[in-house]
Amino acid sequence: MIEQPAYTGFGFSDEEWGLLAGLPQAVLAAASAAESDGTRRTMAENAAGLAAIAAGRESASPLVAAVAGEVVSRVGDPEAGAELPLIAPADPPALLDDVLARAGQACALLATKVDEGQAGAYRHWLVEIAEQVVGAAASGGILGLGGDLVSDSERRFRDRLAQVLND
């Protein structure tokens, strides 16, 4: 007997699952790209975002737990020392707009496929990932001193994401 992929139990197609499973890492990348930081700060943001994604495996929501498990199986478990490579997007504003558009698509998809509890848990988890990333390292300042924990551009992205997701 052939084992079915986990997403079929939720009623998603392969393409739909790809959207949902790709979005947490895309939110991490966009939240990190919202403010141009140095390598050390970007590494801290990546680590915080990956930890927030991995924490989703413990969610009471079966959907969030399944998506988090899928992402961790693809990129690695931070508890086992996995780190994301540092990637500087060529066009950060375009990345942010793309991620927000995909978040809107995911929101619409969830409204038709799962109950509000599952959809709300997924939406809130994405905002929590962004929150962890933007709060991971101060931006601005001199030689790592001072600066704002969350810059205006990071706050704007997080707030726009929450608005798109109705969270």
C-alpha atoms as a PDB file:
ATOM      1  CA  MET A   1       0.000   0.000   0.000  1.00  0.00           C
ATOM      2  CA  ILE A   2       1.286   3.462  -0.932  1.00  0.00           C
ATOM      3  CA  GLU A   3       1.334   6.006   1.877  1.00  0.00           C
ATOM      4  CA  GLN A   4      -0.465   9.253   1.056  1.00  0.00           C
ATOM      5  CA  PRO A   5       1.225  12.618   1.719  1.00  0.00           C
ATOM      6  CA  ALA A   6       0.100  14.303   4.950  1.00  0.00           C
ATOM      7  CA  TYR A   7      -1.556  17.200   3.133  1.00  0.00           C
ATOM      8  CA  THR A   8      -4.151  14.953   1.495  1.00  0.00           C
ATOM      9  CA  GLY A   9      -5.683  14.424   4.933  1.00  0.00           C
ATOM     10  CA  PHE A  10      -6.417  18.143   5.039  1.00  0.00           C
ATOM     11  CA  GLY A  11      -7.876  18.148   1.519  1.00  0.00           C
ATOM     12  CA  PHE A  12      -5.091  20.170  -0.126  1.00  0.00           C
ATOM     13  CA  SER A  13      -3.619  19.581  -3.554  1.00  0.00           C
ATOM     14  CA  ASP A  14       0.142  19.389  -4.001  1.00  0.00           C
ATOM     15  CA  GLU A  15       0.177  22.981  -5.304  1.00  0.00           C
ATOM     16  CA  GLU A  16      -1.939  24.266  -2.404  1.00  0.00           C
ATOM     17  CA  TRP A  17       0.265  22.501   0.120  1.00  0.00           C
ATOM     18  CA  GLY A  18       3.316  24.011  -1.573  1.00  0.00           C
ATOM     19  CA  LEU A  19       1.883  27.480  -0.934  1.00  0.00           C
ATOM     20  CA  LEU A  20       1.185  26.746   2.731  1.00  0.00           C
ATOM     21  CA  ALA A  21       4.494  24.962   3.376  1.00  0.00           C
ATOM     22  CA  GLY A  22       6.552  27.575   1.536  1.00  0.00           C
ATOM     23  CA  LEU A  23       5.034  30.585   3.236  1.00  0.00           C
ATOM     24  CA  PRO A  24       6.618  30.294   6.717  1.00  0.00           C
ATOM     25  CA  GLN A  25      10.150  30.408   5.311  1.00  0.00           C
ATOM     26  CA  ALA A  26       9.122  33.186   2.891  1.00  0.00           C
ATOM     27  CA  VAL A  27       7.746  35.214   5.828  1.00  0.00           C
ATOM     28  CA  LEU A  28      11.060  34.689   7.639  1.00  0.00           C
ATOM     29  CA  ALA A  29      13.014  35.899   4.590  1.00  0.00           C
ATOM     30  CA  ALA A  30      10.768  38.916   4.043  1.00  0.00           C
ATOM     31  CA  ALA A  31      10.769  39.952   7.710  1.00  0.00           C
ATOM     32  CA  SER A  32      14.567  39.766   7.704  1.00  0.00           C
ATOM     33  CA  ALA A  33      14.791  41.711   4.427  1.00  0.00           C
ATOM     34  CA  ALA A  34      12.471  44.466   5.692  1.00  0.00           C
ATOM     35  CA  GLU A  35      15.526  46.168   7.212  1.00  0.00           C
ATOM     36  CA  SER A  36      19.022  45.945   5.796  1.00  0.00           C
ATOM     37  CA  ASP A  37      21.113  44.509   8.619  1.00  0.00           C
ATOM     38  CA  GLY A  38      24.646  43.245   8.894  1.00  0.00           C
ATOM     39  CA  THR A  39      25.554  39.577   8.726  1.00  0.00           C
ATOM     40  CA  ARG A  40      25.459  39.009  12.492  1.00  0.00           C
ATOM     41  CA  ARG A  41      21.986  40.514  12.829  1.00  0.00           C
ATOM     42  CA  THR A  42      20.669  38.644   9.810  1.00  0.00           C
ATOM     43  CA  MET A  43      22.007  35.390  11.239  1.00  0.00           C
ATOM     44  CA  ALA A  44      20.211  36.121  14.523  1.00  0.00           C
ATOM     45  CA  GLU A  45      16.993  36.864  12.627  1.00  0.00           C
ATOM     46  CA  ASN A  46      17.282  33.637  10.618  1.00  0.00           C
ATOM     47  CA  ALA A  47      17.886  31.618  13.784  1.00  0.00           C
ATOM     48  CA  ALA A  48      14.898  33.186  15.547  1.00  0.00           C
ATOM     49  CA  GLY A  49      12.670  32.622  12.524  1.00  0.00           C
ATOM     50  CA  LEU A  50      13.705  28.999  12.109  1.00  0.00           C
ATOM     51  CA  ALA A  51      13.133  28.414  15.831  1.00  0.00           C
ATOM     52  CA  ALA A  52       9.638  29.941  15.524  1.00  0.00           C
ATOM     53  CA  ILE A  53       8.892  27.717  12.535  1.00  0.00           C
ATOM     54  CA  ALA A  54      10.162  24.628  14.367  1.00  0.00           C
ATOM     55  CA  ALA A  55       8.103  25.517  17.445  1.00  0.00           C
ATOM     56  CA  GLY A  56       5.027  25.150  15.261  1.00  0.00           C
ATOM     57  CA  ARG A  57       5.534  21.384  15.423  1.00  0.00           C
ATOM     58  CA  GLU A  58       4.232  21.569  19.004  1.00  0.00           C
ATOM     59  CA  SER A  59       1.103  23.500  18.009  1.00  0.00           C
ATOM     60  CA  ALA A  60      -2.298  22.271  19.105  1.00  0.00           C
ATOM     61  CA  SER A  61      -3.347  22.884  15.500  1.00  0.00           C
ATOM     62  CA  PRO A  62      -2.791  19.758  13.386  1.00  0.00           C
ATOM     63  CA  LEU A  63      -2.403  21.977  10.317  1.00  0.00           C
ATOM     64  CA  VAL A  64       0.320  24.162  11.848  1.00  0.00           C
ATOM     65  CA  ALA A  65       2.092  21.100  13.269  1.00  0.00           C
ATOM     66  CA  ALA A  66       2.040  19.381   9.869  1.00  0.00           C
ATOM     67  CA  VAL A  67       3.279  22.442   7.970  1.00  0.00           C
ATOM     68  CA  ALA A  68       6.006  23.085  10.551  1.00  0.00           C
ATOM     69  CA  GLY A  69       7.080  19.456  10.348  1.00  0.00           C
ATOM     70  CA  GLU A  70       7.260  19.711   6.569  1.00  0.00           C
ATOM     71  CA  VAL A  71       9.366  22.872   6.675  1.00  0.00           C
ATOM     72  CA  VAL A  72      11.766  21.481   9.279  1.00  0.00           C
ATOM     73  CA  SER A  73      12.144  18.273   7.268  1.00  0.00           C
ATOM     74  CA  ARG A  74      13.154  20.400   4.269  1.00  0.00           C
ATOM     75  CA  VAL A  75      15.481  22.954   5.870  1.00  0.00           C
ATOM     76  CA  GLY A  76      16.671  21.223   9.025  1.00  0.00           C
ATOM     77  CA  ASP A  77      15.948  21.269  12.715  1.00  0.00           C
ATOM     78  CA  PRO A  78      17.460  24.181  14.645  1.00  0.00           C
ATOM     79  CA  GLU A  79      17.593  21.944  17.737  1.00  0.00           C
ATOM     80  CA  ALA A  80      20.017  19.735  15.776  1.00  0.00           C
ATOM     81  CA  GLY A  81      22.139  22.748  14.801  1.00  0.00           C
ATOM     82  CA  ALA A  82      20.580  23.501  11.403  1.00  0.00           C
ATOM     83  CA  GLU A  83      21.045  27.039  10.140  1.00  0.00           C
ATOM     84  CA  LEU A  84      19.607  28.764   7.116  1.00  0.00           C
ATOM     85  CA  PRO A  85      21.994  30.143   4.516  1.00  0.00           C
ATOM     86  CA  LEU A  86      22.223  33.927   4.367  1.00  0.00           C
ATOM     87  CA  ILE A  87      20.497  35.128   1.227  1.00  0.00           C
ATOM     88  CA  ALA A  88      20.291  38.794   0.313  1.00  0.00           C
ATOM     89  CA  PRO A  89      17.301  39.389  -1.978  1.00  0.00           C
ATOM     90  CA  ALA A  90      18.070  41.433  -5.076  1.00  0.00           C
ATOM     91  CA  ASP A  91      14.891  43.505  -4.620  1.00  0.00           C
ATOM     92  CA  PRO A  92      13.697  43.499  -0.979  1.00  0.00           C
ATOM     93  CA  PRO A  93      10.525  45.585  -1.605  1.00  0.00           C
ATOM     94  CA  ALA A  94       9.472  43.153  -4.355  1.00  0.00           C
ATOM     95  CA  LEU A  95      10.081  40.216  -1.995  1.00  0.00           C
ATOM     96  CA  LEU A  96       7.910  41.814   0.692  1.00  0.00           C
ATOM     97  CA  ASP A  97       5.113  42.488  -1.809  1.00  0.00           C
ATOM     98  CA  ASP A  98       5.331  38.914  -3.147  1.00  0.00           C
ATOM     99  CA  VAL A  99       5.152  37.405   0.342  1.00  0.00           C
ATOM    100  CA  LEU A 100       2.180  39.602   1.254  1.00  0.00           C
ATOM    101  CA  ALA A 101       0.392  38.555  -1.950  1.00  0.00           C
ATOM    102  CA  ARG A 102       1.074  34.886  -1.216  1.00  0.00           C
ATOM    103  CA  ALA A 103      -0.168  35.373   2.357  1.00  0.00           C
ATOM    104  CA  GLY A 104      -3.421  36.731   0.926  1.00  0.00           C
ATOM    105  CA  GLN A 105      -3.704  33.700  -1.350  1.00  0.00           C
ATOM    106  CA  ALA A 106      -3.096  31.370   1.582  1.00  0.00           C
ATOM    107  CA  CYS A 107      -5.729  33.188   3.641  1.00  0.00           C
ATOM    108  CA  ALA A 108      -8.305  32.773   0.866  1.00  0.00           C
ATOM    109  CA  LEU A 109      -7.354  29.118   0.409  1.00  0.00           C
ATOM    110  CA  LEU A 110      -7.664  28.330   4.101  1.00  0.00           C
ATOM    111  CA  ALA A 111     -11.107  29.933   4.215  1.00  0.00           C
ATOM    112  CA  THR A 112     -12.335  27.341   1.715  1.00  0.00           C
ATOM    113  CA  LYS A 113     -10.497  24.252   3.003  1.00  0.00           C
ATOM    114  CA  VAL A 114     -10.297  24.221   6.803  1.00  0.00           C
ATOM    115  CA  ASP A 115     -12.305  25.448   9.768  1.00  0.00           C
ATOM    116  CA  GLU A 116     -11.670  28.880  11.256  1.00  0.00           C
ATOM    117  CA  GLY A 117      -9.722  27.436  14.193  1.00  0.00           C
ATOM    118  CA  GLN A 118      -7.147  25.813  11.911  1.00  0.00           C
ATOM    119  CA  ALA A 119      -7.022  28.830   9.591  1.00  0.00           C
ATOM    120  CA  GLY A 120      -6.642  31.240  12.512  1.00  0.00           C
ATOM    121  CA  ALA A 121      -3.872  29.175  14.077  1.00  0.00           C
ATOM    122  CA  TYR A 122      -1.935  29.126  10.787  1.00  0.00           C
ATOM    123  CA  ARG A 123      -2.386  32.864  10.221  1.00  0.00           C
ATOM    124  CA  HIS A 124      -1.342  33.693  13.777  1.00  0.00           C
ATOM    125  CA  TRP A 125       1.710  31.419  13.480  1.00  0.00           C
ATOM    126  CA  LEU A 126       2.894  33.314  10.393  1.00  0.00           C
ATOM    127  CA  VAL A 127       2.593  36.635  12.216  1.00  0.00           C
ATOM    128  CA  GLU A 128       4.440  35.138  15.196  1.00  0.00           C
ATOM    129  CA  ILE A 129       7.281  34.052  12.886  1.00  0.00           C
ATOM    130  CA  ALA A 130       7.548  37.621  11.570  1.00  0.00           C
ATOM    131  CA  GLU A 131       7.399  38.968  15.130  1.00  0.00           C
ATOM    132  CA  GLN A 132      10.251  36.694  16.239  1.00  0.00           C
ATOM    133  CA  VAL A 133      12.388  37.659  13.240  1.00  0.00           C
ATOM    134  CA  VAL A 134      11.964  41.424  13.536  1.00  0.00           C
ATOM    135  CA  GLY A 135      12.562  41.314  17.281  1.00  0.00           C
ATOM    136  CA  ALA A 136      15.674  39.139  17.100  1.00  0.00           C
ATOM    137  CA  ALA A 137      18.268  41.862  16.582  1.00  0.00           C
ATOM    138  CA  ALA A 138      18.313  45.617  16.980  1.00  0.00           C
ATOM    139  CA  SER A 139      18.601  47.653  13.789  1.00  0.00           C
ATOM    140  CA  GLY A 140      20.581  50.839  13.426  1.00  0.00           C
ATOM    141  CA  GLY A 141      22.974  52.055  16.046  1.00  0.00           C
ATOM    142  CA  ILE A 142      26.737  52.155  15.813  1.00  0.00           C
ATOM    143  CA  LEU A 143      29.002  49.118  16.142  1.00  0.00           C
ATOM    144  CA  GLY A 144      26.105  47.039  17.412  1.00  0.00           C
ATOM    145  CA  LEU A 145      25.195  49.513  20.151  1.00  0.00           C
ATOM    146  CA  GLY A 146      21.932  51.359  20.332  1.00  0.00           C
ATOM    147  CA  GLY A 147      19.385  51.279  17.577  1.00  0.00           C
ATOM    148  CA  ASP A 148      15.787  50.149  17.640  1.00  0.00           C
ATOM    149  CA  LEU A 149      14.800  46.604  18.496  1.00  0.00           C
ATOM    150  CA  VAL A 150      12.152  46.796  15.769  1.00  0.00           C
ATOM    151  CA  SER A 151      12.710  49.361  13.025  1.00  0.00           C
ATOM    152  CA  ASP A 152       9.899  51.257  11.318  1.00  0.00           C
ATOM    153  CA  SER A 153      10.283  49.191   8.135  1.00  0.00           C
ATOM    154  CA  GLU A 154      10.209  45.927  10.091  1.00  0.00           C
ATOM    155  CA  ARG A 155       7.148  47.085  12.036  1.00  0.00           C
ATOM    156  CA  ARG A 156       5.460  48.103   8.777  1.00  0.00           C
ATOM    157  CA  PHE A 157       6.028  44.655   7.248  1.00  0.00           C
ATOM    158  CA  ARG A 158       4.814  42.837  10.356  1.00  0.00           C
ATOM    159  CA  ASP A 159       1.718  45.050  10.554  1.00  0.00           C
ATOM    160  CA  ARG A 160       0.964  44.670   6.840  1.00  0.00           C
ATOM    161  CA  LEU A 161       1.289  40.888   7.174  1.00  0.00           C
ATOM    162  CA  ALA A 162      -1.084  40.872  10.152  1.00  0.00           C
ATOM    163  CA  GLN A 163      -3.540  43.008   8.186  1.00  0.00           C
ATOM    164  CA  VAL A 164      -3.422  40.742   5.104  1.00  0.00           C
ATOM    165  CA  LEU A 165      -3.938  37.702   7.327  1.00  0.00           C
ATOM    166  CA  ASN A 166      -6.629  39.356   9.463  1.00  0.00           C
ATOM    167  CA  ASP A 167      -4.689  38.452  12.602  1.00  0.00           C
END
